[in-house]
Amino acid sequence: MDVFAEFIAGIGDLANRERTEEVLNWVQTNYPNLEKEVKWNQPMYTDHGTYIIGFSVSKKHLAVAPESVGITHVEEDIKRAGYDYTKEIIRIPWDKPVDYELLAKMIEFNIWDKKNTKTFWR
């Protein structure tokens, strides 16, 4: 987790820090070809220089940002998981389990959908 170490260390609440580290480790374990980066003080994963998914933390939740197209692609799954969301982020409350199947669906969609993308954002 060396790239994300400073970000993780900056999370004040120990339980939230551990949850964030767990999610980032899960992404790295399941998608080892994705590159780890910190931009705008947020950990994110990229593929061939294009954004795949990013994360941020707040007092109440872990935010997941797969870009709006990624959210639209899994919108019904987000609703089934019971997560609050906007056009740009999904909020996973600290006291709810992480739906890793949903996370995988977002990541795999973005890898597939952006395979020929030459820019960072869509």
PDB file of N, CA and C in Angstrom:
ATOM      1  N   MET A   1       0.818  -1.197   0.000  1.00  0.00           N
ATOM      2  CA  MET A   1       0.000   0.000   0.000  1.00  0.00           C
ATOM      3  C   MET A   1       0.860   1.260   0.000  1.00  0.00           C
ATOM      4  N   ASP A   2       2.095   1.172  -0.381  1.00  0.00           N
ATOM      5  CA  ASP A   2       2.995   2.312  -0.248  1.00  0.00           C
ATOM      6  C   ASP A   2       2.484   3.594  -0.893  1.00  0.00           C
ATOM      7  N   VAL A   3       1.877   3.510  -2.065  1.00  0.00           N
ATOM      8  CA  VAL A   3       1.382   4.708  -2.740  1.00  0.00           C
ATOM      9  C   VAL A   3       0.274   5.371  -1.925  1.00  0.00           C
ATOM     10  N   PHE A   4      -0.514   4.566  -1.236  1.00  0.00           N
ATOM     11  CA  PHE A   4      -1.645   5.081  -0.478  1.00  0.00           C
ATOM     12  C   PHE A   4      -1.343   5.286   1.005  1.00  0.00           C
ATOM     13  N   ALA A   5      -0.141   4.993   1.445  1.00  0.00           N
ATOM     14  CA  ALA A   5       0.191   5.002   2.876  1.00  0.00           C
ATOM     15  C   ALA A   5      -0.110   6.341   3.546  1.00  0.00           C
ATOM     16  N   GLU A   6       0.281   7.431   2.942  1.00  0.00           N
ATOM     17  CA  GLU A   6       0.061   8.743   3.547  1.00  0.00           C
ATOM     18  C   GLU A   6      -1.433   9.061   3.624  1.00  0.00           C
ATOM     19  N   PHE A   7      -2.159   8.741   2.567  1.00  0.00           N
ATOM     20  CA  PHE A   7      -3.600   8.963   2.574  1.00  0.00           C
ATOM     21  C   PHE A   7      -4.263   8.172   3.704  1.00  0.00           C
ATOM     22  N   ILE A   8      -3.934   6.896   3.792  1.00  0.00           N
ATOM     23  CA  ILE A   8      -4.531   6.026   4.806  1.00  0.00           C
ATOM     24  C   ILE A   8      -4.161   6.504   6.214  1.00  0.00           C
ATOM     25  N   ALA A   9      -2.915   6.874   6.402  1.00  0.00           N
ATOM     26  CA  ALA A   9      -2.465   7.342   7.713  1.00  0.00           C
ATOM     27  C   ALA A   9      -3.212   8.605   8.149  1.00  0.00           C
ATOM     28  N   GLY A  10      -3.691   9.371   7.189  1.00  0.00           N
ATOM     29  CA  GLY A  10      -4.399  10.612   7.497  1.00  0.00           C
ATOM     30  C   GLY A  10      -5.851  10.426   7.904  1.00  0.00           C
ATOM     31  N   ILE A  11      -6.367   9.208   7.850  1.00  0.00           N
ATOM     32  CA  ILE A  11      -7.756   8.949   8.245  1.00  0.00           C
ATOM     33  C   ILE A  11      -7.781   8.807   9.764  1.00  0.00           C
ATOM     34  N   GLY A  12      -8.415   9.751  10.430  1.00  0.00           N
ATOM     35  CA  GLY A  12      -8.368   9.818  11.886  1.00  0.00           C
ATOM     36  C   GLY A  12      -9.036   8.667  12.621  1.00  0.00           C
ATOM     37  N   ASP A  13     -10.181   8.240  12.150  1.00  0.00           N
ATOM     38  CA  ASP A  13     -10.924   7.172  12.818  1.00  0.00           C
ATOM     39  C   ASP A  13     -10.312   5.821  12.445  1.00  0.00           C
ATOM     40  N   LEU A  14      -9.890   5.064  13.444  1.00  0.00           N
ATOM     41  CA  LEU A  14      -9.200   3.791  13.200  1.00  0.00           C
ATOM     42  C   LEU A  14     -10.056   2.808  12.408  1.00  0.00           C
ATOM     43  N   ALA A  15     -11.323   2.668  12.760  1.00  0.00           N
ATOM     44  CA  ALA A  15     -12.204   1.724  12.050  1.00  0.00           C
ATOM     45  C   ALA A  15     -12.376   2.141  10.593  1.00  0.00           C
ATOM     46  N   ASN A  16     -12.523   3.428  10.338  1.00  0.00           N
ATOM     47  CA  ASN A  16     -12.663   3.920   8.961  1.00  0.00           C
ATOM     48  C   ASN A  16     -11.363   3.720   8.183  1.00  0.00           C
ATOM     49  N   ARG A  17     -10.242   3.917   8.862  1.00  0.00           N
ATOM     50  CA  ARG A  17      -8.938   3.695   8.236  1.00  0.00           C
ATOM     51  C   ARG A  17      -8.802   2.233   7.832  1.00  0.00           C
ATOM     52  N   GLU A  18      -9.167   1.332   8.742  1.00  0.00           N
ATOM     53  CA  GLU A  18      -9.057  -0.100   8.441  1.00  0.00           C
ATOM     54  C   GLU A  18      -9.981  -0.502   7.300  1.00  0.00           C
ATOM     55  N   ARG A  19     -11.204   0.025   7.292  1.00  0.00           N
ATOM     56  CA  ARG A  19     -12.154  -0.280   6.215  1.00  0.00           C
ATOM     57  C   ARG A  19     -11.631   0.222   4.868  1.00  0.00           C
ATOM     58  N   THR A  20     -11.096   1.429   4.848  1.00  0.00           N
ATOM     59  CA  THR A  20     -10.560   1.990   3.609  1.00  0.00           C
ATOM     60  C   THR A  20      -9.397   1.147   3.104  1.00  0.00           C
ATOM     61  N   GLU A  21      -8.517   0.781   4.005  1.00  0.00           N
ATOM     62  CA  GLU A  21      -7.378  -0.052   3.632  1.00  0.00           C
ATOM     63  C   GLU A  21      -7.849  -1.415   3.111  1.00  0.00           C
ATOM     64  N   GLU A  22      -8.867  -1.970   3.732  1.00  0.00           N
ATOM     65  CA  GLU A  22      -9.432  -3.247   3.292  1.00  0.00           C
ATOM     66  C   GLU A  22      -9.954  -3.146   1.852  1.00  0.00           C
ATOM     67  N   VAL A  23     -10.679  -2.072   1.556  1.00  0.00           N
ATOM     68  CA  VAL A  23     -11.231  -1.887   0.209  1.00  0.00           C
ATOM     69  C   VAL A  23     -10.109  -1.691  -0.814  1.00  0.00           C
ATOM     70  N   LEU A  24      -9.138  -0.855  -0.485  1.00  0.00           N
ATOM     71  CA  LEU A  24      -8.033  -0.621  -1.417  1.00  0.00           C
ATOM     72  C   LEU A  24      -7.225  -1.897  -1.641  1.00  0.00           C
ATOM     73  N   ASN A  25      -7.008  -2.665  -0.589  1.00  0.00           N
ATOM     74  CA  ASN A  25      -6.315  -3.956  -0.737  1.00  0.00           C
ATOM     75  C   ASN A  25      -7.118  -4.919  -1.601  1.00  0.00           C
ATOM     76  N   TRP A  26      -8.425  -4.917  -1.437  1.00  0.00           N
ATOM     77  CA  TRP A  26      -9.282  -5.787  -2.251  1.00  0.00           C
ATOM     78  C   TRP A  26      -9.143  -5.432  -3.727  1.00  0.00           C
ATOM     79  N   VAL A  27      -9.173  -4.148  -4.033  1.00  0.00           N
ATOM     80  CA  VAL A  27      -9.020  -3.733  -5.433  1.00  0.00           C
ATOM     81  C   VAL A  27      -7.670  -4.198  -5.968  1.00  0.00           C
ATOM     82  N   GLN A  28      -6.618  -3.944  -5.216  1.00  0.00           N
ATOM     83  CA  GLN A  28      -5.272  -4.316  -5.665  1.00  0.00           C
ATOM     84  C   GLN A  28      -5.134  -5.820  -5.849  1.00  0.00           C
ATOM     85  N   THR A  29      -5.698  -6.602  -4.953  1.00  0.00           N
ATOM     86  CA  THR A  29      -5.617  -8.060  -5.043  1.00  0.00           C
ATOM     87  C   THR A  29      -6.383  -8.588  -6.254  1.00  0.00           C
ATOM     88  N   ASN A  30      -7.562  -8.028  -6.501  1.00  0.00           N
ATOM     89  CA  ASN A  30      -8.414  -8.525  -7.576  1.00  0.00           C
ATOM     90  C   ASN A  30      -8.121  -7.914  -8.938  1.00  0.00           C
ATOM     91  N   TYR A  31      -7.449  -6.775  -8.956  1.00  0.00           N
ATOM     92  CA  TYR A  31      -7.119  -6.089 -10.214  1.00  0.00           C
ATOM     93  C   TYR A  31      -5.663  -5.618 -10.155  1.00  0.00           C
ATOM     94  N   PRO A  32      -4.737  -6.570 -10.087  1.00  0.00           N
ATOM     95  CA  PRO A  32      -3.322  -6.203  -9.898  1.00  0.00           C
ATOM     96  C   PRO A  32      -2.722  -5.415 -11.063  1.00  0.00           C
ATOM     97  N   ASN A  33      -3.356  -5.430 -12.219  1.00  0.00           N
ATOM     98  CA  ASN A  33      -2.828  -4.687 -13.369  1.00  0.00           C
ATOM     99  C   ASN A  33      -3.177  -3.204 -13.323  1.00  0.00           C
ATOM    100  N   LEU A  34      -4.095  -2.824 -12.455  1.00  0.00           N
ATOM    101  CA  LEU A  34      -4.433  -1.405 -12.340  1.00  0.00           C
ATOM    102  C   LEU A  34      -3.313  -0.679 -11.607  1.00  0.00           C
ATOM    103  N   GLU A  35      -3.085   0.547 -12.025  1.00  0.00           N
ATOM    104  CA  GLU A  35      -2.048   1.374 -11.410  1.00  0.00           C
ATOM    105  C   GLU A  35      -2.650   2.177 -10.258  1.00  0.00           C
ATOM    106  N   LYS A  36      -1.926   2.258  -9.157  1.00  0.00           N
ATOM    107  CA  LYS A  36      -2.351   3.029  -7.987  1.00  0.00           C
ATOM    108  C   LYS A  36      -1.800   4.446  -8.106  1.00  0.00           C
ATOM    109  N   GLU A  37      -2.670   5.424  -7.848  1.00  0.00           N
ATOM    110  CA  GLU A  37      -2.256   6.818  -7.880  1.00  0.00           C
ATOM    111  C   GLU A  37      -3.015   7.592  -6.811  1.00  0.00           C
ATOM    112  N   VAL A  38      -2.447   8.681  -6.364  1.00  0.00           N
ATOM    113  CA  VAL A  38      -3.164   9.617  -5.512  1.00  0.00           C
ATOM    114  C   VAL A  38      -3.185  10.937  -6.266  1.00  0.00           C
ATOM    115  N   LYS A  39      -4.382  11.409  -6.563  1.00  0.00           N
ATOM    116  CA  LYS A  39      -4.574  12.694  -7.235  1.00  0.00           C
ATOM    117  C   LYS A  39      -5.692  13.415  -6.503  1.00  0.00           C
ATOM    118  N   TRP A  40      -5.548  14.727  -6.344  1.00  0.00           N
ATOM    119  CA  TRP A  40      -6.538  15.514  -5.623  1.00  0.00           C
ATOM    120  C   TRP A  40      -6.773  14.937  -4.224  1.00  0.00           C
ATOM    121  N   ASN A  41      -5.720  14.420  -3.628  1.00  0.00           N
ATOM    122  CA  ASN A  41      -5.737  13.805  -2.296  1.00  0.00           C
ATOM    123  C   ASN A  41      -6.740  12.648  -2.200  1.00  0.00           C
ATOM    124  N   GLN A  42      -6.885  11.915  -3.293  1.00  0.00           N
ATOM    125  CA  GLN A  42      -7.777  10.763  -3.323  1.00  0.00           C
ATOM    126  C   GLN A  42      -7.069   9.578  -3.952  1.00  0.00           C
ATOM    127  N   PRO A  43      -7.179   8.404  -3.313  1.00  0.00           N
ATOM    128  CA  PRO A  43      -6.602   7.216  -3.944  1.00  0.00           C
ATOM    129  C   PRO A  43      -7.468   6.793  -5.124  1.00  0.00           C
ATOM    130  N   MET A  44      -6.802   6.422  -6.203  1.00  0.00           N
ATOM    131  CA  MET A  44      -7.533   5.994  -7.393  1.00  0.00           C
ATOM    132  C   MET A  44      -6.739   4.955  -8.146  1.00  0.00           C
ATOM    133  N   TYR A  45      -7.438   4.289  -9.024  1.00  0.00           N
ATOM    134  CA  TYR A  45      -6.826   3.270  -9.876  1.00  0.00           C
ATOM    135  C   TYR A  45      -7.032   3.674 -11.318  1.00  0.00           C
ATOM    136  N   THR A  46      -5.964   3.485 -12.105  1.00  0.00           N
ATOM    137  CA  THR A  46      -6.020   3.814 -13.517  1.00  0.00           C
ATOM    138  C   THR A  46      -5.578   2.604 -14.340  1.00  0.00           C
ATOM    139  N   ASP A  47      -5.903   2.649 -15.599  1.00  0.00           N
ATOM    140  CA  ASP A  47      -5.511   1.605 -16.545  1.00  0.00           C
ATOM    141  C   ASP A  47      -5.034   2.304 -17.804  1.00  0.00           C
ATOM    142  N   HIS A  48      -3.832   2.038 -18.237  1.00  0.00           N
ATOM    143  CA  HIS A  48      -3.197   2.683 -19.388  1.00  0.00           C
ATOM    144  C   HIS A  48      -3.419   4.205 -19.406  1.00  0.00           C
ATOM    145  N   GLY A  49      -3.324   4.814 -18.210  1.00  0.00           N
ATOM    146  CA  GLY A  49      -3.424   6.262 -18.089  1.00  0.00           C
ATOM    147  C   GLY A  49      -4.834   6.812 -18.018  1.00  0.00           C
ATOM    148  N   THR A  50      -5.838   5.951 -18.021  1.00  0.00           N
ATOM    149  CA  THR A  50      -7.214   6.430 -17.915  1.00  0.00           C
ATOM    150  C   THR A  50      -7.817   6.028 -16.565  1.00  0.00           C
ATOM    151  N   TYR A  51      -8.613   6.908 -16.039  1.00  0.00           N
ATOM    152  CA  TYR A  51      -9.239   6.725 -14.726  1.00  0.00           C
ATOM    153  C   TYR A  51     -10.213   5.553 -14.752  1.00  0.00           C
ATOM    154  N   ILE A  52     -10.128   4.705 -13.726  1.00  0.00           N
ATOM    155  CA  ILE A  52     -11.061   3.587 -13.585  1.00  0.00           C
ATOM    156  C   ILE A  52     -11.971   3.800 -12.380  1.00  0.00           C
ATOM    157  N   ILE A  53     -11.399   4.052 -11.217  1.00  0.00           N
ATOM    158  CA  ILE A  53     -12.217   4.254 -10.021  1.00  0.00           C
ATOM    159  C   ILE A  53     -11.395   4.989  -8.963  1.00  0.00           C
ATOM    160  N   GLY A  54     -12.087   5.785  -8.156  1.00  0.00           N
ATOM    161  CA  GLY A  54     -11.427   6.516  -7.088  1.00  0.00           C
ATOM    162  C   GLY A  54     -12.246   6.463  -5.812  1.00  0.00           C
ATOM    163  N   PHE A  55     -11.617   6.828  -4.715  1.00  0.00           N
ATOM    164  CA  PHE A  55     -12.242   6.747  -3.402  1.00  0.00           C
ATOM    165  C   PHE A  55     -11.943   8.013  -2.612  1.00  0.00           C
ATOM    166  N   SER A  56     -12.842   8.346  -1.708  1.00  0.00           N
ATOM    167  CA  SER A  56     -12.587   9.422  -0.755  1.00  0.00           C
ATOM    168  C   SER A  56     -13.336   9.076   0.531  1.00  0.00           C
ATOM    169  N   VAL A  57     -12.947   9.731   1.601  1.00  0.00           N
ATOM    170  CA  VAL A  57     -13.566   9.434   2.889  1.00  0.00           C
ATOM    171  C   VAL A  57     -14.193  10.689   3.475  1.00  0.00           C
ATOM    172  N   SER A  58     -15.256  10.474   4.219  1.00  0.00           N
ATOM    173  CA  SER A  58     -15.876  11.548   4.992  1.00  0.00           C
ATOM    174  C   SER A  58     -16.225  10.967   6.358  1.00  0.00           C
ATOM    175  N   LYS A  59     -16.770  11.784   7.195  1.00  0.00           N
ATOM    176  CA  LYS A  59     -17.113  11.337   8.545  1.00  0.00           C
ATOM    177  C   LYS A  59     -18.138  10.199   8.522  1.00  0.00           C
ATOM    178  N   LYS A  60     -19.059  10.223   7.547  1.00  0.00           N
ATOM    179  CA  LYS A  60     -20.162   9.269   7.533  1.00  0.00           C
ATOM    180  C   LYS A  60     -20.009   8.100   6.557  1.00  0.00           C
ATOM    181  N   HIS A  61     -19.093   8.229   5.584  1.00  0.00           N
ATOM    182  CA  HIS A  61     -19.053   7.190   4.556  1.00  0.00           C
ATOM    183  C   HIS A  61     -17.724   7.144   3.789  1.00  0.00           C
ATOM    184  N   LEU A  62     -17.570   6.033   3.075  1.00  0.00           N
ATOM    185  CA  LEU A  62     -16.522   5.887   2.067  1.00  0.00           C
ATOM    186  C   LEU A  62     -17.193   6.177   0.738  1.00  0.00           C
ATOM    187  N   ALA A  63     -16.664   7.119  -0.011  1.00  0.00           N
ATOM    188  CA  ALA A  63     -17.238   7.463  -1.311  1.00  0.00           C
ATOM    189  C   ALA A  63     -16.476   6.732  -2.409  1.00  0.00           C
ATOM    190  N   VAL A  64     -17.236   6.197  -3.352  1.00  0.00           N
ATOM    191  CA  VAL A  64     -16.687   5.484  -4.500  1.00  0.00           C
ATOM    192  C   VAL A  64     -17.098   6.272  -5.736  1.00  0.00           C
ATOM    193  N   ALA A  65     -16.124   6.553  -6.608  1.00  0.00           N
ATOM    194  CA  ALA A  65     -16.401   7.363  -7.790  1.00  0.00           C
ATOM    195  C   ALA A  65     -15.935   6.641  -9.061  1.00  0.00           C
ATOM    196  N   PRO A  66     -16.878   5.995  -9.761  1.00  0.00           N
ATOM    197  CA  PRO A  66     -16.517   5.310 -11.003  1.00  0.00           C
ATOM    198  C   PRO A  66     -16.816   6.139 -12.258  1.00  0.00           C
ATOM    199  N   GLU A  67     -17.023   7.431 -12.136  1.00  0.00           N
ATOM    200  CA  GLU A  67     -17.508   8.338 -13.173  1.00  0.00           C
ATOM    201  C   GLU A  67     -19.006   8.093 -13.377  1.00  0.00           C
ATOM    202  N   SER A  68     -19.692   9.076 -13.901  1.00  0.00           N
ATOM    203  CA  SER A  68     -21.150   8.996 -14.010  1.00  0.00           C
ATOM    204  C   SER A  68     -21.616   7.848 -14.900  1.00  0.00           C
ATOM    205  N   VAL A  69     -20.878   7.529 -15.950  1.00  0.00           N
ATOM    206  CA  VAL A  69     -21.263   6.417 -16.830  1.00  0.00           C
ATOM    207  C   VAL A  69     -21.223   5.101 -16.054  1.00  0.00           C
ATOM    208  N   GLY A  70     -20.242   4.939 -15.193  1.00  0.00           N
ATOM    209  CA  GLY A  70     -20.134   3.740 -14.375  1.00  0.00           C
ATOM    210  C   GLY A  70     -21.278   3.631 -13.381  1.00  0.00           C
ATOM    211  N   ILE A  71     -21.704   4.758 -12.834  1.00  0.00           N
ATOM    212  CA  ILE A  71     -22.836   4.748 -11.912  1.00  0.00           C
ATOM    213  C   ILE A  71     -24.117   4.386 -12.653  1.00  0.00           C
ATOM    214  N   THR A  72     -24.327   4.991 -13.789  1.00  0.00           N
ATOM    215  CA  THR A  72     -25.520   4.679 -14.583  1.00  0.00           C
ATOM    216  C   THR A  72     -25.567   3.193 -14.927  1.00  0.00           C
ATOM    217  N   HIS A  73     -24.420   2.619 -15.254  1.00  0.00           N
ATOM    218  CA  HIS A  73     -24.351   1.197 -15.626  1.00  0.00           C
ATOM    219  C   HIS A  73     -24.811   0.281 -14.493  1.00  0.00           C
ATOM    220  N   VAL A  74     -24.565   0.654 -13.250  1.00  0.00           N
ATOM    221  CA  VAL A  74     -24.891  -0.223 -12.109  1.00  0.00           C
ATOM    222  C   VAL A  74     -25.960   0.382 -11.190  1.00  0.00           C
ATOM    223  N   GLU A  75     -26.714   1.334 -11.689  1.00  0.00           N
ATOM    224  CA  GLU A  75     -27.654   2.065 -10.837  1.00  0.00           C
ATOM    225  C   GLU A  75     -28.627   1.149 -10.087  1.00  0.00           C
ATOM    226  N   GLU A  76     -29.177   0.171 -10.733  1.00  0.00           N
ATOM    227  CA  GLU A  76     -30.113  -0.734 -10.057  1.00  0.00           C
ATOM    228  C   GLU A  76     -29.411  -1.542  -8.961  1.00  0.00           C
ATOM    229  N   ASP A  77     -28.162  -1.931  -9.202  1.00  0.00           N
ATOM    230  CA  ASP A  77     -27.385  -2.653  -8.189  1.00  0.00           C
ATOM    231  C   ASP A  77     -27.096  -1.763  -6.979  1.00  0.00           C
ATOM    232  N   ILE A  78     -26.858  -0.483  -7.229  1.00  0.00           N
ATOM    233  CA  ILE A  78     -26.613   0.465  -6.139  1.00  0.00           C
ATOM    234  C   ILE A  78     -27.864   0.565  -5.264  1.00  0.00           C
ATOM    235  N   LYS A  79     -29.011   0.671  -5.915  1.00  0.00           N
ATOM    236  CA  LYS A  79     -30.272   0.750  -5.175  1.00  0.00           C
ATOM    237  C   LYS A  79     -30.501  -0.520  -4.359  1.00  0.00           C
ATOM    238  N   ARG A  80     -30.245  -1.685  -4.952  1.00  0.00           N
ATOM    239  CA  ARG A  80     -30.419  -2.947  -4.234  1.00  0.00           C
ATOM    240  C   ARG A  80     -29.491  -3.046  -3.030  1.00  0.00           C
ATOM    241  N   ALA A  81     -28.288  -2.485  -3.163  1.00  0.00           N
ATOM    242  CA  ALA A  81     -27.329  -2.513  -2.057  1.00  0.00           C
ATOM    243  C   ALA A  81     -27.736  -1.552  -0.943  1.00  0.00           C
ATOM    244  N   GLY A  82     -28.636  -0.627  -1.256  1.00  0.00           N
ATOM    245  CA  GLY A  82     -29.106   0.320  -0.247  1.00  0.00           C
ATOM    246  C   GLY A  82     -28.176   1.499  -0.033  1.00  0.00           C
ATOM    247  N   TYR A  83     -27.317   1.776  -1.009  1.00  0.00           N
ATOM    248  CA  TYR A  83     -26.391   2.896  -0.888  1.00  0.00           C
ATOM    249  C   TYR A  83     -27.014   4.170  -1.447  1.00  0.00           C
ATOM    250  N   ASP A  84     -26.685   5.272  -0.831  1.00  0.00           N
ATOM    251  CA  ASP A  84     -27.044   6.585  -1.345  1.00  0.00           C
ATOM    252  C   ASP A  84     -26.052   6.924  -2.450  1.00  0.00           C
ATOM    253  N   TYR A  85     -26.496   7.650  -3.464  1.00  0.00           N
ATOM    254  CA  TYR A  85     -25.594   7.995  -4.562  1.00  0.00           C
ATOM    255  C   TYR A  85     -26.049   9.261  -5.260  1.00  0.00           C
ATOM    256  N   THR A  86     -25.118   9.848  -5.986  1.00  0.00           N
ATOM    257  CA  THR A  86     -25.395  11.005  -6.835  1.00  0.00           C
ATOM    258  C   THR A  86     -24.948  10.629  -8.239  1.00  0.00           C
ATOM    259  N   LYS A  87     -24.920  11.600  -9.099  1.00  0.00           N
ATOM    260  CA  LYS A  87     -24.471  11.368 -10.473  1.00  0.00           C
ATOM    261  C   LYS A  87     -22.997  10.958 -10.529  1.00  0.00           C
ATOM    262  N   GLU A  88     -22.234  11.351  -9.516  1.00  0.00           N
ATOM    263  CA  GLU A  88     -20.785  11.138  -9.562  1.00  0.00           C
ATOM    264  C   GLU A  88     -20.219  10.197  -8.496  1.00  0.00           C
ATOM    265  N   ILE A  89     -20.922  10.006  -7.364  1.00  0.00           N
ATOM    266  CA  ILE A  89     -20.359   9.170  -6.294  1.00  0.00           C
ATOM    267  C   ILE A  89     -21.404   8.246  -5.670  1.00  0.00           C
ATOM    268  N   ILE A  90     -20.895   7.190  -5.084  1.00  0.00           N
ATOM    269  CA  ILE A  90     -21.699   6.260  -4.309  1.00  0.00           C
ATOM    270  C   ILE A  90     -21.180   6.345  -2.880  1.00  0.00           C
ATOM    271  N   ARG A  91     -22.080   6.449  -1.932  1.00  0.00           N
ATOM    272  CA  ARG A  91     -21.695   6.570  -0.517  1.00  0.00           C
ATOM    273  C   ARG A  91     -21.945   5.244   0.197  1.00  0.00           C
ATOM    274  N   ILE A  92     -20.873   4.648   0.693  1.00  0.00           N
ATOM    275  CA  ILE A  92     -20.989   3.413   1.472  1.00  0.00           C
ATOM    276  C   ILE A  92     -20.826   3.795   2.939  1.00  0.00           C
ATOM    277  N   PRO A  93     -21.917   3.767   3.705  1.00  0.00           N
ATOM    278  CA  PRO A  93     -21.817   4.151   5.119  1.00  0.00           C
ATOM    279  C   PRO A  93     -20.823   3.250   5.852  1.00  0.00           C
ATOM    280  N   TRP A  94     -20.131   3.825   6.796  1.00  0.00           N
ATOM    281  CA  TRP A  94     -19.122   3.071   7.542  1.00  0.00           C
ATOM    282  C   TRP A  94     -19.727   1.871   8.273  1.00  0.00           C
ATOM    283  N   ASP A  95     -20.996   1.963   8.626  1.00  0.00           N
ATOM    284  CA  ASP A  95     -21.615   0.876   9.384  1.00  0.00           C
ATOM    285  C   ASP A  95     -22.342  -0.155   8.511  1.00  0.00           C
ATOM    286  N   LYS A  96     -22.192  -0.055   7.180  1.00  0.00           N
ATOM    287  CA  LYS A  96     -22.786  -1.046   6.273  1.00  0.00           C
ATOM    288  C   LYS A  96     -21.667  -1.851   5.617  1.00  0.00           C
ATOM    289  N   PRO A  97     -21.959  -3.096   5.261  1.00  0.00           N
ATOM    290  CA  PRO A  97     -20.930  -3.887   4.584  1.00  0.00           C
ATOM    291  C   PRO A  97     -20.658  -3.364   3.167  1.00  0.00           C
ATOM    292  N   VAL A  98     -19.464  -3.606   2.701  1.00  0.00           N
ATOM    293  CA  VAL A  98     -19.092  -3.240   1.332  1.00  0.00           C
ATOM    294  C   VAL A  98     -19.606  -4.330   0.403  1.00  0.00           C
ATOM    295  N   ASP A  99     -20.315  -3.934  -0.639  1.00  0.00           N
ATOM    296  CA  ASP A  99     -20.795  -4.865  -1.647  1.00  0.00           C
ATOM    297  C   ASP A  99     -19.674  -5.023  -2.691  1.00  0.00           C
ATOM    298  N   TYR A 100     -18.809  -6.008  -2.467  1.00  0.00           N
ATOM    299  CA  TYR A 100     -17.660  -6.194  -3.355  1.00  0.00           C
ATOM    300  C   TYR A 100     -18.074  -6.649  -4.749  1.00  0.00           C
ATOM    301  N   GLU A 101     -19.201  -7.323  -4.856  1.00  0.00           N
ATOM    302  CA  GLU A 101     -19.700  -7.715  -6.174  1.00  0.00           C
ATOM    303  C   GLU A 101     -20.052  -6.470  -6.997  1.00  0.00           C
ATOM    304  N   LEU A 102     -20.656  -5.491  -6.353  1.00  0.00           N
ATOM    305  CA  LEU A 102     -20.980  -4.223  -7.004  1.00  0.00           C
ATOM    306  C   LEU A 102     -19.707  -3.484  -7.386  1.00  0.00           C
ATOM    307  N   LEU A 103     -18.754  -3.456  -6.488  1.00  0.00           N
ATOM    308  CA  LEU A 103     -17.477  -2.799  -6.768  1.00  0.00           C
ATOM    309  C   LEU A 103     -16.795  -3.443  -7.971  1.00  0.00           C
ATOM    310  N   ALA A 104     -16.802  -4.766  -8.021  1.00  0.00           N
ATOM    311  CA  ALA A 104     -16.205  -5.480  -9.157  1.00  0.00           C
ATOM    312  C   ALA A 104     -16.922  -5.142 -10.456  1.00  0.00           C
ATOM    313  N   LYS A 105     -18.222  -5.067 -10.406  1.00  0.00           N
ATOM    314  CA  LYS A 105     -19.008  -4.765 -11.608  1.00  0.00           C
ATOM    315  C   LYS A 105     -18.643  -3.384 -12.161  1.00  0.00           C
ATOM    316  N   MET A 106     -18.466  -2.407 -11.272  1.00  0.00           N
ATOM    317  CA  MET A 106     -18.094  -1.059 -11.702  1.00  0.00           C
ATOM    318  C   MET A 106     -16.696  -1.043 -12.315  1.00  0.00           C
ATOM    319  N   ILE A 107     -15.758  -1.692 -11.644  1.00  0.00           N
ATOM    320  CA  ILE A 107     -14.375  -1.706 -12.117  1.00  0.00           C
ATOM    321  C   ILE A 107     -14.279  -2.420 -13.458  1.00  0.00           C
ATOM    322  N   GLU A 108     -14.887  -3.583 -13.561  1.00  0.00           N
ATOM    323  CA  GLU A 108     -14.808  -4.352 -14.809  1.00  0.00           C
ATOM    324  C   GLU A 108     -15.484  -3.622 -15.956  1.00  0.00           C
ATOM    325  N   PHE A 109     -16.599  -2.948 -15.683  1.00  0.00           N
ATOM    326  CA  PHE A 109     -17.250  -2.162 -16.726  1.00  0.00           C
ATOM    327  C   PHE A 109     -16.318  -1.054 -17.202  1.00  0.00           C
ATOM    328  N   ASN A 110     -15.707  -0.326 -16.280  1.00  0.00           N
ATOM    329  CA  ASN A 110     -14.832   0.773 -16.686  1.00  0.00           C
ATOM    330  C   ASN A 110     -13.600   0.273 -17.427  1.00  0.00           C
ATOM    331  N   ILE A 111     -13.031  -0.827 -17.009  1.00  0.00           N
ATOM    332  CA  ILE A 111     -11.878  -1.379 -17.742  1.00  0.00           C
ATOM    333  C   ILE A 111     -12.294  -1.712 -19.169  1.00  0.00           C
ATOM    334  N   TRP A 112     -13.436  -2.368 -19.316  1.00  0.00           N
ATOM    335  CA  TRP A 112     -13.923  -2.750 -20.646  1.00  0.00           C
ATOM    336  C   TRP A 112     -14.308  -1.517 -21.466  1.00  0.00           C
ATOM    337  N   ASP A 113     -15.098  -0.631 -20.861  1.00  0.00           N
ATOM    338  CA  ASP A 113     -15.626   0.521 -21.595  1.00  0.00           C
ATOM    339  C   ASP A 113     -14.538   1.516 -21.992  1.00  0.00           C
ATOM    340  N   LYS A 114     -13.453   1.559 -21.233  1.00  0.00           N
ATOM    341  CA  LYS A 114     -12.407   2.547 -21.498  1.00  0.00           C
ATOM    342  C   LYS A 114     -11.152   1.924 -22.110  1.00  0.00           C
ATOM    343  N   LYS A 115     -11.277   0.707 -22.629  1.00  0.00           N
ATOM    344  CA  LYS A 115     -10.092   0.008 -23.143  1.00  0.00           C
ATOM    345  C   LYS A 115      -9.382   0.776 -24.256  1.00  0.00           C
ATOM    346  N   ASN A 116     -10.096   1.568 -25.023  1.00  0.00           N
ATOM    347  CA  ASN A 116      -9.477   2.340 -26.101  1.00  0.00           C
ATOM    348  C   ASN A 116      -9.409   3.834 -25.797  1.00  0.00           C
ATOM    349  N   THR A 117      -9.722   4.208 -24.569  1.00  0.00           N
ATOM    350  CA  THR A 117      -9.710   5.614 -24.178  1.00  0.00           C
ATOM    351  C   THR A 117      -8.269   6.094 -24.026  1.00  0.00           C
ATOM    352  N   LYS A 118      -8.006   7.262 -24.581  1.00  0.00           N
ATOM    353  CA  LYS A 118      -6.647   7.810 -24.539  1.00  0.00           C
ATOM    354  C   LYS A 118      -6.540   8.992 -23.569  1.00  0.00           C
ATOM    355  N   THR A 119      -7.645   9.366 -22.946  1.00  0.00           N
ATOM    356  CA  THR A 119      -7.642  10.488 -22.018  1.00  0.00           C
ATOM    357  C   THR A 119      -7.875   9.978 -20.596  1.00  0.00           C
ATOM    358  N   PHE A 120      -7.586  10.820 -19.607  1.00  0.00           N
ATOM    359  CA  PHE A 120      -7.775  10.424 -18.217  1.00  0.00           C
ATOM    360  C   PHE A 120      -9.247  10.237 -17.903  1.00  0.00           C
ATOM    361  N   TRP A 121     -10.061  11.265 -18.227  1.00  0.00           N
ATOM    362  CA  TRP A 121     -11.505  11.198 -18.006  1.00  0.00           C
ATOM    363  C   TRP A 121     -12.179  10.838 -19.321  1.00  0.00           C
ATOM    364  N   ARG A 122     -13.431  10.373 -19.235  1.00  0.00           N
ATOM    365  CA  ARG A 122     -14.213  10.105 -20.444  1.00  0.00           C
ATOM    366  C   ARG A 122     -14.424  11.378 -21.208  1.00  0.00           C
TER     367      ARG A 122
END
